[in-house]
PDB file of N, CA and C in Angstrom:
ATOM      1  N   LEU A   1       0.823  -1.194   0.000  1.00  0.00           N
ATOM      2  CA  LEU A   1       0.000   0.000   0.000  1.00  0.00           C
ATOM      3  C   LEU A   1       0.871   1.263   0.000  1.00  0.00           C
ATOM      4  N   SER A   2       1.960   1.216   0.762  1.00  0.00           N
ATOM      5  CA  SER A   2       2.843   2.393   0.786  1.00  0.00           C
ATOM      6  C   SER A   2       3.430   2.666  -0.591  1.00  0.00           C
ATOM      7  N   ALA A   3       3.742   1.621  -1.341  1.00  0.00           N
ATOM      8  CA  ALA A   3       4.295   1.805  -2.688  1.00  0.00           C
ATOM      9  C   ALA A   3       3.292   2.478  -3.605  1.00  0.00           C
ATOM     10  N   ILE A   4       2.041   2.092  -3.492  1.00  0.00           N
ATOM     11  CA  ILE A   4       0.993   2.717  -4.305  1.00  0.00           C
ATOM     12  C   ILE A   4       0.885   4.197  -3.971  1.00  0.00           C
ATOM     13  N   ILE A   5       0.902   4.495  -2.684  1.00  0.00           N
ATOM     14  CA  ILE A   5       0.807   5.894  -2.246  1.00  0.00           C
ATOM     15  C   ILE A   5       2.013   6.677  -2.744  1.00  0.00           C
ATOM     16  N   LEU A   6       3.211   6.118  -2.569  1.00  0.00           N
ATOM     17  CA  LEU A   6       4.429   6.825  -2.966  1.00  0.00           C
ATOM     18  C   LEU A   6       4.557   6.982  -4.477  1.00  0.00           C
ATOM     19  N   ASN A   7       3.920   6.112  -5.250  1.00  0.00           N
ATOM     20  CA  ASN A   7       3.956   6.255  -6.708  1.00  0.00           C
ATOM     21  C   ASN A   7       3.286   7.539  -7.177  1.00  0.00           C
ATOM     22  N   THR A   8       2.376   8.079  -6.379  1.00  0.00           N
ATOM     23  CA  THR A   8       1.729   9.342  -6.758  1.00  0.00           C
ATOM     24  C   THR A   8       2.716  10.503  -6.711  1.00  0.00           C
ATOM     25  N   GLU A   9       3.835  10.291  -6.045  1.00  0.00           N
ATOM     26  CA  GLU A   9       4.859  11.335  -5.962  1.00  0.00           C
ATOM     27  C   GLU A   9       5.482  11.615  -7.320  1.00  0.00           C
ATOM     28  N   ASP A  10       5.550  10.618  -8.176  1.00  0.00           N
ATOM     29  CA  ASP A  10       6.200  10.783  -9.478  1.00  0.00           C
ATOM     30  C   ASP A  10       5.620  11.947 -10.274  1.00  0.00           C
ATOM     31  N   GLY A  11       4.311  12.016 -10.345  1.00  0.00           N
ATOM     32  CA  GLY A  11       3.663  13.103 -11.074  1.00  0.00           C
ATOM     33  C   GLY A  11       3.924  14.463 -10.451  1.00  0.00           C
ATOM     34  N   ILE A  12       3.973  14.482  -9.136  1.00  0.00           N
ATOM     35  CA  ILE A  12       4.237  15.732  -8.414  1.00  0.00           C
ATOM     36  C   ILE A  12       5.652  16.211  -8.729  1.00  0.00           C
ATOM     37  N   VAL A  13       6.622  15.321  -8.633  1.00  0.00           N
ATOM     38  CA  VAL A  13       8.018  15.681  -8.893  1.00  0.00           C
ATOM     39  C   VAL A  13       8.208  16.107 -10.345  1.00  0.00           C
ATOM     40  N   GLU A  14       7.555  15.408 -11.237  1.00  0.00           N
ATOM     41  CA  GLU A  14       7.653  15.761 -12.657  1.00  0.00           C
ATOM     42  C   GLU A  14       7.166  17.190 -12.895  1.00  0.00           C
ATOM     43  N   GLU A  15       6.032  17.526 -12.278  1.00  0.00           N
ATOM     44  CA  GLU A  15       5.516  18.885 -12.434  1.00  0.00           C
ATOM     45  C   GLU A  15       6.443  19.905 -11.774  1.00  0.00           C
ATOM     46  N   MET A  16       6.967  19.560 -10.609  1.00  0.00           N
ATOM     47  CA  MET A  16       7.886  20.469  -9.912  1.00  0.00           C
ATOM     48  C   MET A  16       9.111  20.764 -10.781  1.00  0.00           C
ATOM     49  N   ASN A  17       9.645  19.718 -11.408  1.00  0.00           N
ATOM     50  CA  ASN A  17      10.844  19.874 -12.230  1.00  0.00           C
ATOM     51  C   ASN A  17      10.589  20.676 -13.503  1.00  0.00           C
ATOM     52  N   ALA A  18       9.355  20.698 -13.971  1.00  0.00           N
ATOM     53  CA  ALA A  18       9.017  21.408 -15.205  1.00  0.00           C
ATOM     54  C   ALA A  18       8.763  22.898 -14.984  1.00  0.00           C
ATOM     55  N   LEU A  19       8.656  23.315 -13.739  1.00  0.00           N
ATOM     56  CA  LEU A  19       8.347  24.707 -13.439  1.00  0.00           C
ATOM     57  C   LEU A  19       9.547  25.608 -13.670  1.00  0.00           C
ATOM     58  N   GLY A  20       9.246  26.855 -13.973  1.00  0.00           N
ATOM     59  CA  GLY A  20      10.287  27.860 -14.152  1.00  0.00           C
ATOM     60  C   GLY A  20      10.532  28.618 -12.860  1.00  0.00           C
ATOM     61  N   ASN A  21      10.931  29.888 -13.004  1.00  0.00           N
ATOM     62  CA  ASN A  21      11.270  30.710 -11.844  1.00  0.00           C
ATOM     63  C   ASN A  21      10.381  31.932 -11.677  1.00  0.00           C
ATOM     64  N   THR A  22       9.234  31.938 -12.313  1.00  0.00           N
ATOM     65  CA  THR A  22       8.340  33.082 -12.146  1.00  0.00           C
ATOM     66  C   THR A  22       7.683  33.007 -10.765  1.00  0.00           C
ATOM     67  N   ALA A  23       7.090  34.082 -10.360  1.00  0.00           N
ATOM     68  CA  ALA A  23       6.394  34.107  -9.070  1.00  0.00           C
ATOM     69  C   ALA A  23       5.262  33.076  -9.058  1.00  0.00           C
ATOM     70  N   LYS A  24       4.568  32.966 -10.184  1.00  0.00           N
ATOM     71  CA  LYS A  24       3.484  31.991 -10.293  1.00  0.00           C
ATOM     72  C   LYS A  24       4.023  30.562 -10.172  1.00  0.00           C
ATOM     73  N   ASP A  25       5.139  30.302 -10.849  1.00  0.00           N
ATOM     74  CA  ASP A  25       5.760  28.978 -10.775  1.00  0.00           C
ATOM     75  C   ASP A  25       6.246  28.672  -9.358  1.00  0.00           C
ATOM     76  N   ASN A  26       6.826  29.656  -8.706  1.00  0.00           N
ATOM     77  CA  ASN A  26       7.300  29.454  -7.334  1.00  0.00           C
ATOM     78  C   ASN A  26       6.155  29.142  -6.385  1.00  0.00           C
ATOM     79  N   LYS A  27       5.030  29.804  -6.604  1.00  0.00           N
ATOM     80  CA  LYS A  27       3.852  29.543  -5.787  1.00  0.00           C
ATOM     81  C   LYS A  27       3.353  28.114  -6.012  1.00  0.00           C
ATOM     82  N   ARG A  28       3.332  27.698  -7.280  1.00  0.00           N
ATOM     83  CA  ARG A  28       2.895  26.336  -7.615  1.00  0.00           C
ATOM     84  C   ARG A  28       3.867  25.310  -7.039  1.00  0.00           C
ATOM     85  N   TYR A  29       5.148  25.618  -7.102  1.00  0.00           N
ATOM     86  CA  TYR A  29       6.167  24.723  -6.553  1.00  0.00           C
ATOM     87  C   TYR A  29       5.937  24.517  -5.052  1.00  0.00           C
ATOM     88  N   ASP A  30       5.679  25.600  -4.340  1.00  0.00           N
ATOM     89  CA  ASP A  30       5.427  25.511  -2.897  1.00  0.00           C
ATOM     90  C   ASP A  30       4.201  24.664  -2.605  1.00  0.00           C
ATOM     91  N   ALA A  31       3.154  24.822  -3.410  1.00  0.00           N
ATOM     92  CA  ALA A  31       1.934  24.022  -3.228  1.00  0.00           C
ATOM     93  C   ALA A  31       2.214  22.546  -3.491  1.00  0.00           C
ATOM     94  N   LEU A  32       3.009  22.268  -4.513  1.00  0.00           N
ATOM     95  CA  LEU A  32       3.358  20.886  -4.822  1.00  0.00           C
ATOM     96  C   LEU A  32       4.255  20.280  -3.743  1.00  0.00           C
ATOM     97  N   ALA A  33       5.136  21.082  -3.169  1.00  0.00           N
ATOM     98  CA  ALA A  33       5.998  20.600  -2.087  1.00  0.00           C
ATOM     99  C   ALA A  33       5.159  20.182  -0.889  1.00  0.00           C
ATOM    100  N   ILE A  34       4.115  20.932  -0.602  1.00  0.00           N
ATOM    101  CA  ILE A  34       3.201  20.580   0.490  1.00  0.00           C
ATOM    102  C   ILE A  34       2.480  19.278   0.166  1.00  0.00           C
ATOM    103  N   LYS A  35       2.027  19.166  -1.073  1.00  0.00           N
ATOM    104  CA  LYS A  35       1.333  17.948  -1.506  1.00  0.00           C
ATOM    105  C   LYS A  35       2.256  16.737  -1.408  1.00  0.00           C
ATOM    106  N   ARG A  36       3.507  16.928  -1.761  1.00  0.00           N
ATOM    107  CA  ARG A  36       4.500  15.851  -1.686  1.00  0.00           C
ATOM    108  C   ARG A  36       4.689  15.394  -0.242  1.00  0.00           C
ATOM    109  N   LYS A  37       4.766  16.334   0.666  1.00  0.00           N
ATOM    110  CA  LYS A  37       4.899  15.989   2.086  1.00  0.00           C
ATOM    111  C   LYS A  37       3.659  15.251   2.593  1.00  0.00           C
ATOM    112  N   GLU A  38       2.509  15.608   2.065  1.00  0.00           N
ATOM    113  CA  GLU A  38       1.272  14.904   2.440  1.00  0.00           C
ATOM    114  C   GLU A  38       1.324  13.450   1.981  1.00  0.00           C
ATOM    115  N   VAL A  39       1.890  13.222   0.811  1.00  0.00           N
ATOM    116  CA  VAL A  39       2.055  11.852   0.306  1.00  0.00           C
ATOM    117  C   VAL A  39       2.961  11.073   1.257  1.00  0.00           C
ATOM    118  N   TYR A  40       4.057  11.688   1.662  1.00  0.00           N
ATOM    119  CA  TYR A  40       4.981  11.036   2.597  1.00  0.00           C
ATOM    120  C   TYR A  40       4.290  10.722   3.922  1.00  0.00           C
ATOM    121  N   THR A  41       3.535  11.677   4.411  1.00  0.00           N
ATOM    122  CA  THR A  41       2.835  11.492   5.678  1.00  0.00           C
ATOM    123  C   THR A  41       1.820  10.365   5.588  1.00  0.00           C
ATOM    124  N   GLU A  42       1.172  10.255   4.456  1.00  0.00           N
ATOM    125  CA  GLU A  42       0.180   9.193   4.259  1.00  0.00           C
ATOM    126  C   GLU A  42       0.837   7.816   4.192  1.00  0.00           C
ATOM    127  N   ALA A  43       2.007   7.716   3.573  1.00  0.00           N
ATOM    128  CA  ALA A  43       2.697   6.433   3.416  1.00  0.00           C
ATOM    129  C   ALA A  43       3.420   5.989   4.685  1.00  0.00           C
ATOM    130  N   MET A  44       3.789   6.919   5.513  1.00  0.00           N
ATOM    131  CA  MET A  44       4.615   6.637   6.685  1.00  0.00           C
ATOM    132  C   MET A  44       4.071   5.539   7.600  1.00  0.00           C
ATOM    133  N   PRO A  45       2.800   5.566   8.014  1.00  0.00           N
ATOM    134  CA  PRO A  45       2.338   4.515   8.933  1.00  0.00           C
ATOM    135  C   PRO A  45       2.377   3.106   8.336  1.00  0.00           C
ATOM    136  N   TYR A  46       2.202   2.998   7.033  1.00  0.00           N
ATOM    137  CA  TYR A  46       2.254   1.686   6.388  1.00  0.00           C
ATOM    138  C   TYR A  46       3.686   1.131   6.416  1.00  0.00           C
ATOM    139  N   LEU A  47       4.648   1.997   6.169  1.00  0.00           N
ATOM    140  CA  LEU A  47       6.042   1.572   6.226  1.00  0.00           C
ATOM    141  C   LEU A  47       6.442   1.195   7.652  1.00  0.00           C
ATOM    142  N   GLU A  48       5.990   1.974   8.611  1.00  0.00           N
ATOM    143  CA  GLU A  48       6.281   1.666  10.010  1.00  0.00           C
ATOM    144  C   GLU A  48       5.718   0.297  10.389  1.00  0.00           C
ATOM    145  N   LYS A  49       4.532   0.001   9.914  1.00  0.00           N
ATOM    146  CA  LYS A  49       3.900  -1.283  10.213  1.00  0.00           C
ATOM    147  C   LYS A  49       4.670  -2.436   9.574  1.00  0.00           C
ATOM    148  N   VAL A  50       5.106  -2.254   8.342  1.00  0.00           N
ATOM    149  CA  VAL A  50       5.886  -3.285   7.655  1.00  0.00           C
ATOM    150  C   VAL A  50       7.147  -3.598   8.457  1.00  0.00           C
ATOM    151  N   ILE A  51       7.823  -2.565   8.909  1.00  0.00           N
ATOM    152  CA  ILE A  51       9.060  -2.751   9.663  1.00  0.00           C
ATOM    153  C   ILE A  51       8.787  -3.401  11.014  1.00  0.00           C
ATOM    154  N   ASP A  52       7.684  -3.038  11.642  1.00  0.00           N
ATOM    155  CA  ASP A  52       7.304  -3.680  12.902  1.00  0.00           C
ATOM    156  C   ASP A  52       7.063  -5.178  12.708  1.00  0.00           C
ATOM    157  N   MET A  53       6.490  -5.527  11.576  1.00  0.00           N
ATOM    158  CA  MET A  53       6.169  -6.930  11.297  1.00  0.00           C
ATOM    159  C   MET A  53       7.392  -7.720  10.844  1.00  0.00           C
ATOM    160  N   ASP A  54       8.315  -7.064  10.127  1.00  0.00           N
ATOM    161  CA  ASP A  54       9.496  -7.743   9.599  1.00  0.00           C
ATOM    162  C   ASP A  54      10.654  -6.756   9.524  1.00  0.00           C
ATOM    163  N   ALA A  55      11.541  -6.839  10.483  1.00  0.00           N
ATOM    164  CA  ALA A  55      12.661  -5.899  10.578  1.00  0.00           C
ATOM    165  C   ALA A  55      13.721  -6.124   9.505  1.00  0.00           C
ATOM    166  N   ASN A  56      13.548  -7.113   8.644  1.00  0.00           N
ATOM    167  CA  ASN A  56      14.507  -7.382   7.574  1.00  0.00           C
ATOM    168  C   ASN A  56      14.144  -6.686   6.272  1.00  0.00           C
ATOM    169  N   GLN A  57      13.126  -5.883   6.282  1.00  0.00           N
ATOM    170  CA  GLN A  57      12.674  -5.179   5.074  1.00  0.00           C
ATOM    171  C   GLN A  57      13.534  -3.929   4.843  1.00  0.00           C
ATOM    172  N   LYS A  58      14.717  -4.134   4.280  1.00  0.00           N
ATOM    173  CA  LYS A  58      15.696  -3.048   4.099  1.00  0.00           C
ATOM    174  C   LYS A  58      15.157  -1.910   3.231  1.00  0.00           C
ATOM    175  N   ASP A  59      14.421  -2.242   2.175  1.00  0.00           N
ATOM    176  CA  ASP A  59      13.873  -1.189   1.312  1.00  0.00           C
ATOM    177  C   ASP A  59      12.888  -0.320   2.090  1.00  0.00           C
ATOM    178  N   ALA A  60      12.054  -0.953   2.897  1.00  0.00           N
ATOM    179  CA  ALA A  60      11.090  -0.206   3.699  1.00  0.00           C
ATOM    180  C   ALA A  60      11.802   0.670   4.714  1.00  0.00           C
ATOM    181  N   ILE A  61      12.856   0.145   5.320  1.00  0.00           N
ATOM    182  CA  ILE A  61      13.630   0.913   6.306  1.00  0.00           C
ATOM    183  C   ILE A  61      14.248   2.135   5.646  1.00  0.00           C
ATOM    184  N   ASN A  62      14.881   1.945   4.500  1.00  0.00           N
ATOM    185  CA  ASN A  62      15.516   3.071   3.803  1.00  0.00           C
ATOM    186  C   ASN A  62      14.503   4.096   3.331  1.00  0.00           C
ATOM    187  N   THR A  63      13.376   3.626   2.831  1.00  0.00           N
ATOM    188  CA  THR A  63      12.327   4.548   2.385  1.00  0.00           C
ATOM    189  C   THR A  63      11.786   5.342   3.560  1.00  0.00           C
ATOM    190  N   LEU A  64      11.542   4.658   4.673  1.00  0.00           N
ATOM    191  CA  LEU A  64      11.028   5.352   5.850  1.00  0.00           C
ATOM    192  C   LEU A  64      12.043   6.363   6.369  1.00  0.00           C
ATOM    193  N   LEU A  65      13.312   6.009   6.369  1.00  0.00           N
ATOM    194  CA  LEU A  65      14.349   6.946   6.799  1.00  0.00           C
ATOM    195  C   LEU A  65      14.357   8.179   5.906  1.00  0.00           C
ATOM    196  N   ASN A  66      14.241   7.978   4.592  1.00  0.00           N
ATOM    197  CA  ASN A  66      14.198   9.116   3.665  1.00  0.00           C
ATOM    198  C   ASN A  66      12.983  10.005   3.933  1.00  0.00           C
ATOM    199  N   ILE A  67      11.865   9.387   4.254  1.00  0.00           N
ATOM    200  CA  ILE A  67      10.657  10.158   4.556  1.00  0.00           C
ATOM    201  C   ILE A  67      10.845  10.950   5.837  1.00  0.00           C
ATOM    202  N   TYR A  68      11.365  10.303   6.868  1.00  0.00           N
ATOM    203  CA  TYR A  68      11.624  11.020   8.124  1.00  0.00           C
ATOM    204  C   TYR A  68      12.519  12.234   7.878  1.00  0.00           C
ATOM    205  N   GLU A  69      13.559  12.047   7.088  1.00  0.00           N
ATOM    206  CA  GLU A  69      14.478  13.149   6.811  1.00  0.00           C
ATOM    207  C   GLU A  69      13.810  14.239   5.980  1.00  0.00           C
ATOM    208  N   ALA A  70      13.011  13.863   5.001  1.00  0.00           N
ATOM    209  CA  ALA A  70      12.307  14.847   4.171  1.00  0.00           C
ATOM    210  C   ALA A  70      11.304  15.655   4.981  1.00  0.00           C
ATOM    211  N   LEU A  71      10.692  15.006   5.959  1.00  0.00           N
ATOM    212  CA  LEU A  71       9.702  15.674   6.806  1.00  0.00           C
ATOM    213  C   LEU A  71      10.345  16.320   8.028  1.00  0.00           C
ATOM    214  N   GLU A  72      11.668  16.253   8.093  1.00  0.00           N
ATOM    215  CA  GLU A  72      12.442  16.828   9.199  1.00  0.00           C
ATOM    216  C   GLU A  72      12.022  16.252  10.548  1.00  0.00           C
ATOM    217  N   LEU A  73      11.766  14.950  10.555  1.00  0.00           N
ATOM    218  CA  LEU A  73      11.439  14.233  11.790  1.00  0.00           C
ATOM    219  C   LEU A  73      12.748  13.654  12.334  1.00  0.00           C
ATOM    220  N   THR A  74      13.589  14.545  12.819  1.00  0.00           N
ATOM    221  CA  THR A  74      14.952  14.217  13.215  1.00  0.00           C
ATOM    222  C   THR A  74      15.014  13.127  14.281  1.00  0.00           C
ATOM    223  N   ASN A  75      14.177  13.231  15.298  1.00  0.00           N
ATOM    224  CA  ASN A  75      14.211  12.235  16.371  1.00  0.00           C
ATOM    225  C   ASN A  75      13.831  10.847  15.861  1.00  0.00           C
ATOM    226  N   LYS A  76      12.821  10.790  15.011  1.00  0.00           N
ATOM    227  CA  LYS A  76      12.424   9.499  14.448  1.00  0.00           C
ATOM    228  C   LYS A  76      13.530   8.935  13.559  1.00  0.00           C
ATOM    229  N   ALA A  77      14.179   9.793  12.791  1.00  0.00           N
ATOM    230  CA  ALA A  77      15.280   9.349  11.930  1.00  0.00           C
ATOM    231  C   ALA A  77      16.432   8.815  12.775  1.00  0.00           C
ATOM    232  N   LYS A  78      16.778   9.520  13.833  1.00  0.00           N
ATOM    233  CA  LYS A  78      17.868   9.071  14.712  1.00  0.00           C
ATOM    234  C   LYS A  78      17.526   7.731  15.352  1.00  0.00           C
ATOM    235  N   THR A  79      16.293   7.582  15.808  1.00  0.00           N
ATOM    236  CA  THR A  79      15.861   6.333  16.430  1.00  0.00           C
ATOM    237  C   THR A  79      15.935   5.175  15.441  1.00  0.00           C
ATOM    238  N   LEU A  80      15.469   5.405  14.223  1.00  0.00           N
ATOM    239  CA  LEU A  80      15.511   4.367  13.199  1.00  0.00           C
ATOM    240  C   LEU A  80      16.944   3.989  12.864  1.00  0.00           C
ATOM    241  N   LYS A  81      17.805   4.984  12.722  1.00  0.00           N
ATOM    242  CA  LYS A  81      19.217   4.722  12.425  1.00  0.00           C
ATOM    243  C   LYS A  81      19.851   3.900  13.542  1.00  0.00           C
ATOM    244  N   ALA A  82      19.579   4.277  14.765  1.00  0.00           N
ATOM    245  CA  ALA A  82      20.161   3.554  15.907  1.00  0.00           C
ATOM    246  C   ALA A  82      19.637   2.122  15.973  1.00  0.00           C
ATOM    247  N   LYS A  83      18.359   1.950  15.738  1.00  0.00           N
ATOM    248  CA  LYS A  83      17.744   0.622  15.818  1.00  0.00           C
ATOM    249  C   LYS A  83      18.320  -0.344  14.786  1.00  0.00           C
ATOM    250  N   PHE A  84      18.620   0.175  13.593  1.00  0.00           N
ATOM    251  CA  PHE A  84      19.072  -0.688  12.510  1.00  0.00           C
ATOM    252  C   PHE A  84      20.542  -0.458  12.134  1.00  0.00           C
ATOM    253  N   GLY A  85      21.247   0.288  12.945  1.00  0.00           N
ATOM    254  CA  GLY A  85      22.678   0.500  12.711  1.00  0.00           C
ATOM    255  C   GLY A  85      23.001   1.185  11.410  1.00  0.00           C
ATOM    256  N   LEU A  86      22.209   2.166  11.071  1.00  0.00           N
ATOM    257  CA  LEU A  86      22.425   2.910   9.809  1.00  0.00           C
ATOM    258  C   LEU A  86      23.292   4.120  10.028  1.00  0.00           C
TER     259      LEU A  86
END
């Protein structure tokens, strides 16, 4: 389920990368950045559950760590790194 949710990020990033530097584009970029963070927030509990069920899911661990860092959840990132020796 987290993969399905995170796949929606592709379209957001594509649009972000296509924007220019006008004030209108910057405003749209900021809105898309918020939407991207919402995607991360939505996927996060599913990844956490996967890791709780199977601590050998390296892809899930790395993805969750990237999400924590993107969302500036420093304490959660540190805890995850310590737990899995990253």
